[in-house]
Amino acid sequence: MDFRTDILGEPYQAVDLPLAADDEGEVVATLIRRQAGASGTAAGGSRRAVLYVHGYVDYFFQTHLADFYAERGYDFYALDLRKYGRSLRPHHSPNFIRDLDAYGEELDEAVRIIREVDGHDTLLLNGHSTGGLISALYADRRAGQGTIDALFLNSPFLSMPAALPIRTLGAPVVDALGRVAGTRKLPAPLNPHYVHSLHRDFRGSWEFDLTLKPAEGFPLYSGWLAAIQQGQRRVRRGLRIDCPVLLMASTASTVTTKWDEALLRSDGILRAEDIARLAPRLGPRVTTVRVRDGVHDLVLSAPEVRERVFAELGLWLSAYLPERAG
């Protein structure tokens, strides 16, 4: 694979994954790699790996998450999905998709590279928010195939937070619009205060590219929203994920259109109670952990909260993905 130095700089590398073209033309995804530094695979890293999938209006930039895994002997990989982040092209409708199952193309290719090209025999899939929903559906579709060994979901988008288009139009109308006018823009821009709570140029402490993760978000398309609704209905009916699942969510949510200090210690995007309530629908081996004072992306919470998140994740990994002798 022709990996190049990633926008994050060394030791991060990236490679474009060509995908089937759609009605907007060329489509790619981007696979990012950071090796743990151990020996044992064709790529020179660990025999264990993690694949991270980001959320909506998002991309991979959380290098401290990669550090956590690398310290535990995992080679780290992340996908910038089609029309997101590194994979967004000028001719694309940002973040647009008509069917969440279409992401199986880049997920399958990433898994192939991780397992067959780079030689890993243990794979953890780690999804955040919309990436958590996508990852859960993918794990369900690949159940019984040995594709992934465990699944970690960070505030997965399992339930709609009663956004404006749902309240005003209703789910059936959104579904119909998605079928006949998928790129129609709906009146529900992202609340900018969530990004303001994160980025160091506003009220947060993190550095990321505001052109790839803008505070005001990207247009909300009816086809994307219809695809999300369809995926969430599948979750409500019940999935059959056959690997161990860790689901984490905050203990509180904040719904506001104005700045509120509570955004620094609660989920400002989704309803955490709904996420936790749906956890048992994922499969037979689900561990649920609620994180006090956690923000939507739990690994971007305050330092003492992140410590708890990583401590819980570390315990779960030790129990379900113990390091193999030899």
C-alpha atoms as a PDB file:
ATOM      1  CA  MET A   1       0.000   0.000   0.000  1.00  0.00           C
ATOM      2  CA  ASP A   2       1.272   3.468  -0.932  1.00  0.00           C
ATOM      3  CA  PHE A   3       0.944   5.207   2.434  1.00  0.00           C
ATOM      4  CA  ARG A   4       2.029   8.858   2.679  1.00  0.00           C
ATOM      5  CA  THR A   5       2.729  11.094   5.646  1.00  0.00           C
ATOM      6  CA  ASP A   6      -0.631  12.169   7.072  1.00  0.00           C
ATOM      7  CA  ILE A   7      -1.749  15.751   7.723  1.00  0.00           C
ATOM      8  CA  LEU A   8      -1.063  15.042  11.418  1.00  0.00           C
ATOM      9  CA  GLY A   9       2.599  14.393  10.617  1.00  0.00           C
ATOM     10  CA  GLU A  10       4.718  11.450  11.693  1.00  0.00           C
ATOM     11  CA  PRO A  11       4.121   8.799  12.934  1.00  0.00           C
ATOM     12  CA  TYR A  12       0.726   9.033  11.171  1.00  0.00           C
ATOM     13  CA  GLN A  13       0.423   7.760   7.617  1.00  0.00           C
ATOM     14  CA  ALA A  14      -2.527   7.845   5.235  1.00  0.00           C
ATOM     15  CA  VAL A  15      -3.649   6.157   2.056  1.00  0.00           C
ATOM     16  CA  ASP A  16      -6.635   6.811  -0.218  1.00  0.00           C
ATOM     17  CA  LEU A  17      -9.063   3.936  -0.727  1.00  0.00           C
ATOM     18  CA  PRO A  18     -10.746   4.261  -4.157  1.00  0.00           C
ATOM     19  CA  LEU A  19     -14.451   3.437  -3.970  1.00  0.00           C
ATOM     20  CA  ALA A  20     -17.221   2.920  -6.498  1.00  0.00           C
ATOM     21  CA  ALA A  21     -18.234   6.237  -8.062  1.00  0.00           C
ATOM     22  CA  ASP A  22     -21.675   7.642  -7.314  1.00  0.00           C
ATOM     23  CA  ASP A  23     -23.859  10.273  -8.987  1.00  0.00           C
ATOM     24  CA  GLU A  24     -21.438  12.981  -7.816  1.00  0.00           C
ATOM     25  CA  GLY A  25     -18.457  11.274  -9.420  1.00  0.00           C
ATOM     26  CA  GLU A  26     -15.220  10.045  -7.842  1.00  0.00           C
ATOM     27  CA  VAL A  27     -15.470   8.777  -4.254  1.00  0.00           C
ATOM     28  CA  VAL A  28     -12.650   7.850  -1.884  1.00  0.00           C
ATOM     29  CA  ALA A  29     -12.157   7.047   1.774  1.00  0.00           C
ATOM     30  CA  THR A  30      -8.926   7.652   3.692  1.00  0.00           C
ATOM     31  CA  LEU A  31      -7.223   5.121   5.949  1.00  0.00           C
ATOM     32  CA  ILE A  32      -4.887   6.589   8.582  1.00  0.00           C
ATOM     33  CA  ARG A  33      -2.291   4.391  10.310  1.00  0.00           C
ATOM     34  CA  ARG A  34      -0.089   4.802  13.377  1.00  0.00           C
ATOM     35  CA  GLN A  35       1.929   1.752  14.382  1.00  0.00           C
ATOM     36  CA  ALA A  36       2.583   0.845  18.003  1.00  0.00           C
ATOM     37  CA  GLY A  37       6.232   0.073  17.375  1.00  0.00           C
ATOM     38  CA  ALA A  38       6.266  -3.591  18.432  1.00  0.00           C
ATOM     39  CA  SER A  39       7.372  -6.369  16.087  1.00  0.00           C
ATOM     40  CA  GLY A  40       5.313  -9.190  14.666  1.00  0.00           C
ATOM     41  CA  THR A  41       3.409  -8.033  11.557  1.00  0.00           C
ATOM     42  CA  ALA A  42       4.230  -7.301   7.973  1.00  0.00           C
ATOM     43  CA  ALA A  43       3.866  -3.600   8.764  1.00  0.00           C
ATOM     44  CA  GLY A  44       6.247  -3.841  11.708  1.00  0.00           C
ATOM     45  CA  GLY A  45       3.646  -3.283  14.400  1.00  0.00           C
ATOM     46  CA  SER A  46       1.578  -5.283  16.859  1.00  0.00           C
ATOM     47  CA  ARG A  47      -0.532  -8.301  15.991  1.00  0.00           C
ATOM     48  CA  ARG A  48      -3.439  -6.386  17.561  1.00  0.00           C
ATOM     49  CA  ALA A  49      -5.104  -3.409  15.915  1.00  0.00           C
ATOM     50  CA  VAL A  50      -7.940  -0.951  16.408  1.00  0.00           C
ATOM     51  CA  LEU A  51      -9.970   0.743  13.663  1.00  0.00           C
ATOM     52  CA  TYR A  52     -11.573   4.059  14.630  1.00  0.00           C
ATOM     53  CA  VAL A  53     -14.648   5.503  12.855  1.00  0.00           C
ATOM     54  CA  HIS A  54     -15.513   9.163  13.477  1.00  0.00           C
ATOM     55  CA  GLY A  55     -18.868  10.906  13.896  1.00  0.00           C
ATOM     56  CA  TYR A  56     -20.954  13.356  11.835  1.00  0.00           C
ATOM     57  CA  VAL A  57     -19.231  16.609  10.766  1.00  0.00           C
ATOM     58  CA  ASP A  58     -16.021  15.050  12.008  1.00  0.00           C
ATOM     59  CA  TYR A  59     -12.716  13.422  11.083  1.00  0.00           C
ATOM     60  CA  PHE A  60      -9.878  11.724  12.935  1.00  0.00           C
ATOM     61  CA  PHE A  61      -7.691  14.113  14.944  1.00  0.00           C
ATOM     62  CA  GLN A  62      -7.764  12.607  18.467  1.00  0.00           C
ATOM     63  CA  THR A  63      -4.102  11.590  18.654  1.00  0.00           C
ATOM     64  CA  HIS A  64      -4.277  10.996  22.411  1.00  0.00           C
ATOM     65  CA  LEU A  65      -6.748   8.176  21.688  1.00  0.00           C
ATOM     66  CA  ALA A  66      -4.172   6.611  19.372  1.00  0.00           C
ATOM     67  CA  ASP A  67      -1.570   7.065  22.117  1.00  0.00           C
ATOM     68  CA  PHE A  68      -3.790   5.150  24.557  1.00  0.00           C
ATOM     69  CA  TYR A  69      -4.033   2.187  22.207  1.00  0.00           C
ATOM     70  CA  ALA A  70      -0.366   2.289  21.181  1.00  0.00           C
ATOM     71  CA  GLU A  71       0.707   2.160  24.829  1.00  0.00           C
ATOM     72  CA  ARG A  72      -1.272  -1.083  25.099  1.00  0.00           C
ATOM     73  CA  GLY A  73       0.349  -2.623  22.041  1.00  0.00           C
ATOM     74  CA  TYR A  74      -2.339  -1.869  19.439  1.00  0.00           C
ATOM     75  CA  ASP A  75      -1.536  -0.596  15.981  1.00  0.00           C
ATOM     76  CA  PHE A  76      -3.980   2.256  15.409  1.00  0.00           C
ATOM     77  CA  TYR A  77      -6.022   2.820  12.258  1.00  0.00           C
ATOM     78  CA  ALA A  78      -8.754   5.355  11.534  1.00  0.00           C
ATOM     79  CA  LEU A  79     -11.106   5.863   8.616  1.00  0.00           C
ATOM     80  CA  ASP A  80     -12.162   9.218   7.297  1.00  0.00           C
ATOM     81  CA  LEU A  81     -15.326   7.993   5.606  1.00  0.00           C
ATOM     82  CA  ARG A  82     -16.332   9.037   2.092  1.00  0.00           C
ATOM     83  CA  LYS A  83     -17.172  12.770   1.861  1.00  0.00           C
ATOM     84  CA  TYR A  84     -15.767  13.469   5.334  1.00  0.00           C
ATOM     85  CA  GLY A  85     -12.528  15.099   6.441  1.00  0.00           C
ATOM     86  CA  ARG A  86      -9.539  13.989   4.365  1.00  0.00           C
ATOM     87  CA  SER A  87     -11.894  12.229   1.931  1.00  0.00           C
ATOM     88  CA  LEU A  88     -14.050  15.276   1.106  1.00  0.00           C
ATOM     89  CA  ARG A  89     -13.648  16.562  -2.449  1.00  0.00           C
ATOM     90  CA  PRO A  90     -14.897  19.854  -3.978  1.00  0.00           C
ATOM     91  CA  HIS A  91     -17.583  18.066  -6.020  1.00  0.00           C
ATOM     92  CA  HIS A  92     -19.044  16.258  -2.969  1.00  0.00           C
ATOM     93  CA  SER A  93     -22.093  17.078  -0.881  1.00  0.00           C
ATOM     94  CA  PRO A  94     -20.335  16.993   2.512  1.00  0.00           C
ATOM     95  CA  ASN A  95     -21.043  13.939   4.676  1.00  0.00           C
ATOM     96  CA  PHE A  96     -23.809  12.748   2.309  1.00  0.00           C
ATOM     97  CA  ILE A  97     -24.909   9.119   2.045  1.00  0.00           C
ATOM     98  CA  ARG A  98     -28.183   7.467   1.022  1.00  0.00           C
ATOM     99  CA  ASP A  99     -27.648   4.099   2.747  1.00  0.00           C
ATOM    100  CA  LEU A 100     -25.427   3.419   5.764  1.00  0.00           C
ATOM    101  CA  ASP A 101     -24.660  -0.054   4.419  1.00  0.00           C
ATOM    102  CA  ALA A 102     -22.669   1.634   1.631  1.00  0.00           C
ATOM    103  CA  TYR A 103     -19.935   2.321   4.187  1.00  0.00           C
ATOM    104  CA  GLY A 104     -19.319  -1.413   4.189  1.00  0.00           C
ATOM    105  CA  GLU A 105     -17.173  -0.866   1.090  1.00  0.00           C
ATOM    106  CA  GLU A 106     -14.509   1.205   2.883  1.00  0.00           C
ATOM    107  CA  LEU A 107     -14.847  -0.750   6.125  1.00  0.00           C
ATOM    108  CA  ASP A 108     -14.280  -4.041   4.305  1.00  0.00           C
ATOM    109  CA  GLU A 109     -11.246  -2.646   2.515  1.00  0.00           C
ATOM    110  CA  ALA A 110      -9.801  -1.215   5.736  1.00  0.00           C
ATOM    111  CA  VAL A 111     -10.287  -4.564   7.485  1.00  0.00           C
ATOM    112  CA  ARG A 112      -8.629  -6.348   4.557  1.00  0.00           C
ATOM    113  CA  ILE A 113      -5.573  -4.094   4.766  1.00  0.00           C
ATOM    114  CA  ILE A 114      -5.364  -4.410   8.554  1.00  0.00           C
ATOM    115  CA  ARG A 115      -5.694  -8.197   8.561  1.00  0.00           C
ATOM    116  CA  GLU A 116      -4.277  -9.415   5.248  1.00  0.00           C
ATOM    117  CA  VAL A 117      -1.765  -6.754   4.244  1.00  0.00           C
ATOM    118  CA  ASP A 118      -0.511  -5.654   7.678  1.00  0.00           C
ATOM    119  CA  GLY A 119      -0.969  -9.080   9.257  1.00  0.00           C
ATOM    120  CA  HIS A 120      -3.059  -8.430  12.370  1.00  0.00           C
ATOM    121  CA  ASP A 121      -5.045 -11.275  13.903  1.00  0.00           C
ATOM    122  CA  THR A 122      -7.045  -9.296  16.500  1.00  0.00           C
ATOM    123  CA  LEU A 123      -9.174  -6.275  15.578  1.00  0.00           C
ATOM    124  CA  LEU A 124     -11.160  -3.894  17.761  1.00  0.00           C
ATOM    125  CA  LEU A 125     -13.653  -1.603  16.010  1.00  0.00           C
ATOM    126  CA  ASN A 126     -14.120   1.755  17.796  1.00  0.00           C
ATOM    127  CA  GLY A 127     -16.963   3.995  16.607  1.00  0.00           C
ATOM    128  CA  HIS A 128     -18.043   7.436  17.853  1.00  0.00           C
ATOM    129  CA  SER A 129     -21.545   8.953  17.440  1.00  0.00           C
ATOM    130  CA  THR A 130     -22.670   8.415  13.816  1.00  0.00           C
ATOM    131  CA  GLY A 131     -19.564   6.261  13.422  1.00  0.00           C
ATOM    132  CA  GLY A 132     -20.847   4.247  16.365  1.00  0.00           C
ATOM    133  CA  LEU A 133     -24.149   3.578  14.604  1.00  0.00           C
ATOM    134  CA  ILE A 134     -22.310   2.694  11.391  1.00  0.00           C
ATOM    135  CA  SER A 135     -19.920   0.404  13.283  1.00  0.00           C
ATOM    136  CA  ALA A 136     -22.740  -1.372  15.136  1.00  0.00           C
ATOM    137  CA  LEU A 137     -24.628  -2.035  11.905  1.00  0.00           C
ATOM    138  CA  TYR A 138     -21.440  -3.253  10.237  1.00  0.00           C
ATOM    139  CA  ALA A 139     -20.642  -5.599  13.140  1.00  0.00           C
ATOM    140  CA  ASP A 140     -24.166  -6.974  12.896  1.00  0.00           C
ATOM    141  CA  ARG A 141     -23.870  -7.590   9.139  1.00  0.00           C
ATOM    142  CA  ARG A 142     -20.499  -9.290   9.569  1.00  0.00           C
ATOM    143  CA  ALA A 143     -21.543 -11.419  12.557  1.00  0.00           C
ATOM    144  CA  GLY A 144     -20.275 -14.993  12.291  1.00  0.00           C
ATOM    145  CA  GLN A 145     -17.493 -14.082   9.855  1.00  0.00           C
ATOM    146  CA  GLY A 146     -14.715 -13.310  12.353  1.00  0.00           C
ATOM    147  CA  THR A 147     -14.323  -9.831  10.873  1.00  0.00           C
ATOM    148  CA  ILE A 148     -13.929  -8.004  14.186  1.00  0.00           C
ATOM    149  CA  ASP A 149     -13.153  -9.326  17.650  1.00  0.00           C
ATOM    150  CA  ALA A 150     -14.678  -6.584  19.808  1.00  0.00           C
ATOM    151  CA  LEU A 151     -16.610  -3.320  19.459  1.00  0.00           C
ATOM    152  CA  PHE A 152     -16.259  -0.098  21.476  1.00  0.00           C
ATOM    153  CA  LEU A 153     -18.996   2.505  20.992  1.00  0.00           C
ATOM    154  CA  ASN A 154     -18.421   6.045  22.261  1.00  0.00           C
ATOM    155  CA  SER A 155     -21.798   7.856  22.509  1.00  0.00           C
ATOM    156  CA  PRO A 156     -23.225   6.034  19.475  1.00  0.00           C
ATOM    157  CA  PHE A 157     -26.026   7.699  17.486  1.00  0.00           C
ATOM    158  CA  LEU A 158     -28.603   5.006  18.235  1.00  0.00           C
ATOM    159  CA  SER A 159     -31.534   7.366  18.711  1.00  0.00           C
ATOM    160  CA  MET A 160     -32.652  10.656  17.173  1.00  0.00           C
ATOM    161  CA  PRO A 161     -32.441  13.657  19.524  1.00  0.00           C
ATOM    162  CA  ALA A 162     -35.762  15.004  18.180  1.00  0.00           C
ATOM    163  CA  ALA A 163     -34.047  17.388  15.786  1.00  0.00           C
ATOM    164  CA  LEU A 164     -36.081  20.136  14.124  1.00  0.00           C
ATOM    165  CA  PRO A 165     -36.860  18.257  10.857  1.00  0.00           C
ATOM    166  CA  ILE A 166     -38.270  15.327  12.840  1.00  0.00           C
ATOM    167  CA  ARG A 167     -40.439  17.563  15.005  1.00  0.00           C
ATOM    168  CA  THR A 168     -41.750  19.639  12.111  1.00  0.00           C
ATOM    169  CA  LEU A 169     -41.925  17.084   9.295  1.00  0.00           C
ATOM    170  CA  GLY A 170     -42.112  13.708  10.987  1.00  0.00           C
ATOM    171  CA  ALA A 171     -40.091  10.599  10.231  1.00  0.00           C
ATOM    172  CA  PRO A 172     -42.304   9.342   7.342  1.00  0.00           C
ATOM    173  CA  VAL A 173     -41.973  12.671   5.538  1.00  0.00           C
ATOM    174  CA  VAL A 174     -38.197  12.643   5.966  1.00  0.00           C
ATOM    175  CA  ASP A 175     -38.117   9.095   4.571  1.00  0.00           C
ATOM    176  CA  ALA A 176     -40.149  10.172   1.552  1.00  0.00           C
ATOM    177  CA  LEU A 177     -37.964  13.217   0.942  1.00  0.00           C
ATOM    178  CA  GLY A 178     -34.884  11.036   1.215  1.00  0.00           C
ATOM    179  CA  ARG A 179     -36.170   8.817  -1.587  1.00  0.00           C
ATOM    180  CA  VAL A 180     -37.199  11.521  -4.049  1.00  0.00           C
ATOM    181  CA  ALA A 181     -35.011  14.500  -3.088  1.00  0.00           C
ATOM    182  CA  GLY A 182     -32.054  13.109  -1.198  1.00  0.00           C
ATOM    183  CA  THR A 183     -29.915  16.239  -1.417  1.00  0.00           C
ATOM    184  CA  ARG A 184     -32.678  18.577  -0.269  1.00  0.00           C
ATOM    185  CA  LYS A 185     -31.346  20.680   2.593  1.00  0.00           C
ATOM    186  CA  LEU A 186     -33.304  20.632   5.835  1.00  0.00           C
ATOM    187  CA  PRO A 187     -33.507  23.512   8.353  1.00  0.00           C
ATOM    188  CA  ALA A 188     -31.380  22.082  11.140  1.00  0.00           C
ATOM    189  CA  PRO A 189     -27.794  23.370  11.185  1.00  0.00           C
ATOM    190  CA  LEU A 190     -25.467  21.947  13.811  1.00  0.00           C
ATOM    191  CA  ASN A 191     -25.541  23.871  17.080  1.00  0.00           C
ATOM    192  CA  PRO A 192     -22.145  25.680  16.989  1.00  0.00           C
ATOM    193  CA  HIS A 193     -21.800  25.699  20.759  1.00  0.00           C
ATOM    194  CA  TYR A 194     -20.719  22.047  20.865  1.00  0.00           C
ATOM    195  CA  VAL A 195     -17.664  22.760  18.721  1.00  0.00           C
ATOM    196  CA  HIS A 196     -17.133  25.987  20.677  1.00  0.00           C
ATOM    197  CA  SER A 197     -16.974  23.872  23.841  1.00  0.00           C
ATOM    198  CA  LEU A 198     -14.131  21.833  22.291  1.00  0.00           C
ATOM    199  CA  HIS A 199     -11.918  24.076  20.171  1.00  0.00           C
ATOM    200  CA  ARG A 200      -9.212  26.135  21.840  1.00  0.00           C
ATOM    201  CA  ASP A 201     -10.088  29.210  19.758  1.00  0.00           C
ATOM    202  CA  PHE A 202     -13.412  29.346  21.604  1.00  0.00           C
ATOM    203  CA  ARG A 203     -14.060  27.792  25.041  1.00  0.00           C
ATOM    204  CA  GLY A 204     -12.264  24.451  24.709  1.00  0.00           C
ATOM    205  CA  SER A 205      -8.722  23.125  24.748  1.00  0.00           C
ATOM    206  CA  TRP A 206      -8.476  21.021  21.565  1.00  0.00           C
ATOM    207  CA  GLU A 207      -6.871  21.845  18.245  1.00  0.00           C
ATOM    208  CA  PHE A 208      -8.526  20.617  15.040  1.00  0.00           C
ATOM    209  CA  ASP A 209      -9.212  21.867  11.527  1.00  0.00           C
ATOM    210  CA  LEU A 210     -12.369  23.994  11.536  1.00  0.00           C
ATOM    211  CA  THR A 211     -12.738  23.549   7.770  1.00  0.00           C
ATOM    212  CA  LEU A 212     -13.081  19.775   8.268  1.00  0.00           C
ATOM    213  CA  LYS A 213     -15.104  20.061  11.489  1.00  0.00           C
ATOM    214  CA  PRO A 214     -16.803  23.477  11.233  1.00  0.00           C
ATOM    215  CA  ALA A 215     -18.702  24.865  14.201  1.00  0.00           C
ATOM    216  CA  GLU A 216     -21.781  25.533  12.066  1.00  0.00           C
ATOM    217  CA  GLY A 217     -21.608  22.074  10.520  1.00  0.00           C
ATOM    218  CA  PHE A 218     -22.516  21.218   6.949  1.00  0.00           C
ATOM    219  CA  PRO A 219     -25.958  21.192   5.306  1.00  0.00           C
ATOM    220  CA  LEU A 220     -28.319  18.555   6.674  1.00  0.00           C
ATOM    221  CA  TYR A 221     -29.580  16.506   3.723  1.00  0.00           C
ATOM    222  CA  SER A 222     -32.892  14.660   3.733  1.00  0.00           C
ATOM    223  CA  GLY A 223     -31.282  11.532   2.232  1.00  0.00           C
ATOM    224  CA  TRP A 224     -28.655  11.392   4.990  1.00  0.00           C
ATOM    225  CA  LEU A 225     -31.283  11.830   7.691  1.00  0.00           C
ATOM    226  CA  ALA A 226     -33.478   9.145   6.131  1.00  0.00           C
ATOM    227  CA  ALA A 227     -30.495   6.757   6.080  1.00  0.00           C
ATOM    228  CA  ILE A 228     -29.859   7.446   9.778  1.00  0.00           C
ATOM    229  CA  GLN A 229     -33.506   6.798  10.621  1.00  0.00           C
ATOM    230  CA  GLN A 230     -33.425   3.491   8.752  1.00  0.00           C
ATOM    231  CA  GLY A 231     -30.307   2.417  10.649  1.00  0.00           C
ATOM    232  CA  GLN A 232     -31.811   3.390  13.989  1.00  0.00           C
ATOM    233  CA  ARG A 233     -34.942   1.395  13.243  1.00  0.00           C
ATOM    234  CA  ARG A 234     -32.736  -1.657  12.735  1.00  0.00           C
ATOM    235  CA  VAL A 235     -31.216  -1.057  16.166  1.00  0.00           C
ATOM    236  CA  ARG A 236     -34.645  -0.766  17.789  1.00  0.00           C
ATOM    237  CA  ARG A 237     -35.673  -4.067  16.205  1.00  0.00           C
ATOM    238  CA  GLY A 238     -32.553  -5.639  17.662  1.00  0.00           C
ATOM    239  CA  LEU A 239     -29.112  -6.502  16.275  1.00  0.00           C
ATOM    240  CA  ARG A 240     -27.172  -9.752  16.685  1.00  0.00           C
ATOM    241  CA  ILE A 241     -23.610  -8.553  17.172  1.00  0.00           C
ATOM    242  CA  ASP A 242     -21.705 -11.666  18.216  1.00  0.00           C
ATOM    243  CA  CYS A 243     -18.537 -10.069  19.618  1.00  0.00           C
ATOM    244  CA  PRO A 244     -18.187  -8.311  22.990  1.00  0.00           C
ATOM    245  CA  VAL A 245     -19.481  -4.724  22.952  1.00  0.00           C
ATOM    246  CA  LEU A 246     -18.572  -1.835  25.261  1.00  0.00           C
ATOM    247  CA  LEU A 247     -20.978   1.100  25.086  1.00  0.00           C
ATOM    248  CA  MET A 248     -20.130   4.320  26.916  1.00  0.00           C
ATOM    249  CA  ALA A 249     -22.341   7.367  27.305  1.00  0.00           C
ATOM    250  CA  SER A 250     -22.487  10.405  29.524  1.00  0.00           C
ATOM    251  CA  THR A 251     -24.764  10.510  32.559  1.00  0.00           C
ATOM    252  CA  ALA A 252     -26.408  13.758  31.392  1.00  0.00           C
ATOM    253  CA  SER A 253     -27.400  15.663  28.261  1.00  0.00           C
ATOM    254  CA  THR A 254     -27.843  19.369  27.575  1.00  0.00           C
ATOM    255  CA  VAL A 255     -30.269  20.695  24.958  1.00  0.00           C
ATOM    256  CA  THR A 256     -29.671  24.385  24.275  1.00  0.00           C
ATOM    257  CA  THR A 257     -29.450  26.907  21.453  1.00  0.00           C
ATOM    258  CA  LYS A 258     -27.330  29.263  23.578  1.00  0.00           C
ATOM    259  CA  TRP A 259     -24.005  28.886  25.315  1.00  0.00           C
ATOM    260  CA  ASP A 260     -24.318  26.921  28.554  1.00  0.00           C
ATOM    261  CA  GLU A 261     -21.444  25.902  30.831  1.00  0.00           C
ATOM    262  CA  ALA A 262     -23.165  22.500  31.135  1.00  0.00           C
ATOM    263  CA  LEU A 263     -21.875  21.727  27.622  1.00  0.00           C
ATOM    264  CA  LEU A 264     -18.441  21.254  29.224  1.00  0.00           C
ATOM    265  CA  ARG A 265     -19.714  18.351  31.359  1.00  0.00           C
ATOM    266  CA  SER A 266     -22.593  16.707  29.479  1.00  0.00           C
ATOM    267  CA  ASP A 267     -23.577  15.385  26.058  1.00  0.00           C
ATOM    268  CA  GLY A 268     -24.579  18.436  24.038  1.00  0.00           C
ATOM    269  CA  ILE A 269     -25.585  16.458  20.924  1.00  0.00           C
ATOM    270  CA  LEU A 270     -27.515  13.293  21.839  1.00  0.00           C
ATOM    271  CA  ARG A 271     -29.734  12.081  24.655  1.00  0.00           C
ATOM    272  CA  ALA A 272     -27.488   9.902  26.773  1.00  0.00           C
ATOM    273  CA  GLU A 273     -30.415   8.144  28.447  1.00  0.00           C
ATOM    274  CA  ASP A 274     -31.719   6.963  25.078  1.00  0.00           C
ATOM    275  CA  ILE A 275     -28.283   5.645  24.109  1.00  0.00           C
ATOM    276  CA  ALA A 276     -27.996   3.610  27.308  1.00  0.00           C
ATOM    277  CA  ARG A 277     -31.576   2.344  27.035  1.00  0.00           C
ATOM    278  CA  LEU A 278     -30.910   0.869  23.595  1.00  0.00           C
ATOM    279  CA  ALA A 279     -27.635  -0.830  24.532  1.00  0.00           C
ATOM    280  CA  PRO A 280     -29.226  -4.268  25.163  1.00  0.00           C
ATOM    281  CA  ARG A 281     -30.610  -4.236  21.593  1.00  0.00           C
ATOM    282  CA  LEU A 282     -27.107  -4.576  20.163  1.00  0.00           C
ATOM    283  CA  GLY A 283     -26.385  -8.186  21.106  1.00  0.00           C
ATOM    284  CA  PRO A 284     -25.939 -10.676  23.946  1.00  0.00           C
ATOM    285  CA  ARG A 285     -22.593  -9.413  25.335  1.00  0.00           C
ATOM    286  CA  VAL A 286     -22.939  -5.683  25.922  1.00  0.00           C
ATOM    287  CA  THR A 287     -21.250  -3.794  28.760  1.00  0.00           C
ATOM    288  CA  THR A 288     -22.689  -0.326  29.446  1.00  0.00           C
ATOM    289  CA  VAL A 289     -20.665   2.343  31.250  1.00  0.00           C
ATOM    290  CA  ARG A 290     -22.075   5.777  32.114  1.00  0.00           C
ATOM    291  CA  VAL A 291     -19.510   8.554  32.470  1.00  0.00           C
ATOM    292  CA  ARG A 292     -20.241  11.385  34.861  1.00  0.00           C
ATOM    293  CA  ASP A 293     -19.369  14.824  33.376  1.00  0.00           C
ATOM    294  CA  GLY A 294     -18.599  13.265  29.988  1.00  0.00           C
ATOM    295  CA  VAL A 295     -19.135  15.321  26.834  1.00  0.00           C
ATOM    296  CA  HIS A 296     -20.484  13.875  23.596  1.00  0.00           C
ATOM    297  CA  ASP A 297     -17.094  12.657  22.402  1.00  0.00           C
ATOM    298  CA  LEU A 298     -16.092  11.170  25.723  1.00  0.00           C
ATOM    299  CA  VAL A 299     -12.370  11.151  24.922  1.00  0.00           C
ATOM    300  CA  LEU A 300     -12.536  14.961  24.541  1.00  0.00           C
ATOM    301  CA  SER A 301     -13.905  15.436  28.068  1.00  0.00           C
ATOM    302  CA  ALA A 302     -12.043  17.195  30.874  1.00  0.00           C
ATOM    303  CA  PRO A 303      -8.746  15.514  31.894  1.00  0.00           C
ATOM    304  CA  GLU A 304     -10.077  13.782  35.011  1.00  0.00           C
ATOM    305  CA  VAL A 305     -13.078  12.489  33.040  1.00  0.00           C
ATOM    306  CA  ARG A 306     -10.845  11.191  30.238  1.00  0.00           C
ATOM    307  CA  GLU A 307      -8.849   9.306  32.839  1.00  0.00           C
ATOM    308  CA  ARG A 308     -12.007   7.486  33.918  1.00  0.00           C
ATOM    309  CA  VAL A 309     -12.971   6.768  30.315  1.00  0.00           C
ATOM    310  CA  PHE A 310      -9.573   5.268  29.534  1.00  0.00           C
ATOM    311  CA  ALA A 311      -9.488   3.346  32.821  1.00  0.00           C
ATOM    312  CA  GLU A 312     -12.842   1.707  32.034  1.00  0.00           C
ATOM    313  CA  LEU A 313     -11.799   0.987  28.458  1.00  0.00           C
ATOM    314  CA  GLY A 314      -8.529  -0.501  29.655  1.00  0.00           C
ATOM    315  CA  LEU A 315     -10.286  -2.832  32.096  1.00  0.00           C
ATOM    316  CA  TRP A 316     -12.721  -3.978  29.419  1.00  0.00           C
ATOM    317  CA  LEU A 317      -9.928  -4.608  26.917  1.00  0.00           C
ATOM    318  CA  SER A 318      -8.035  -6.648  29.500  1.00  0.00           C
ATOM    319  CA  ALA A 319     -11.116  -8.795  30.085  1.00  0.00           C
ATOM    320  CA  TYR A 320     -12.240  -9.337  26.489  1.00  0.00           C
ATOM    321  CA  LEU A 321      -9.059  -8.893  24.414  1.00  0.00           C
ATOM    322  CA  PRO A 322      -6.278 -10.128  26.710  1.00  0.00           C
ATOM    323  CA  GLU A 323      -2.814 -10.151  25.219  1.00  0.00           C
ATOM    324  CA  ARG A 324      -1.980 -13.564  23.831  1.00  0.00           C
ATOM    325  CA  ALA A 325       1.144 -15.342  25.023  1.00  0.00           C
ATOM    326  CA  GLY A 326       3.823 -15.620  22.374  1.00  0.00           C
END
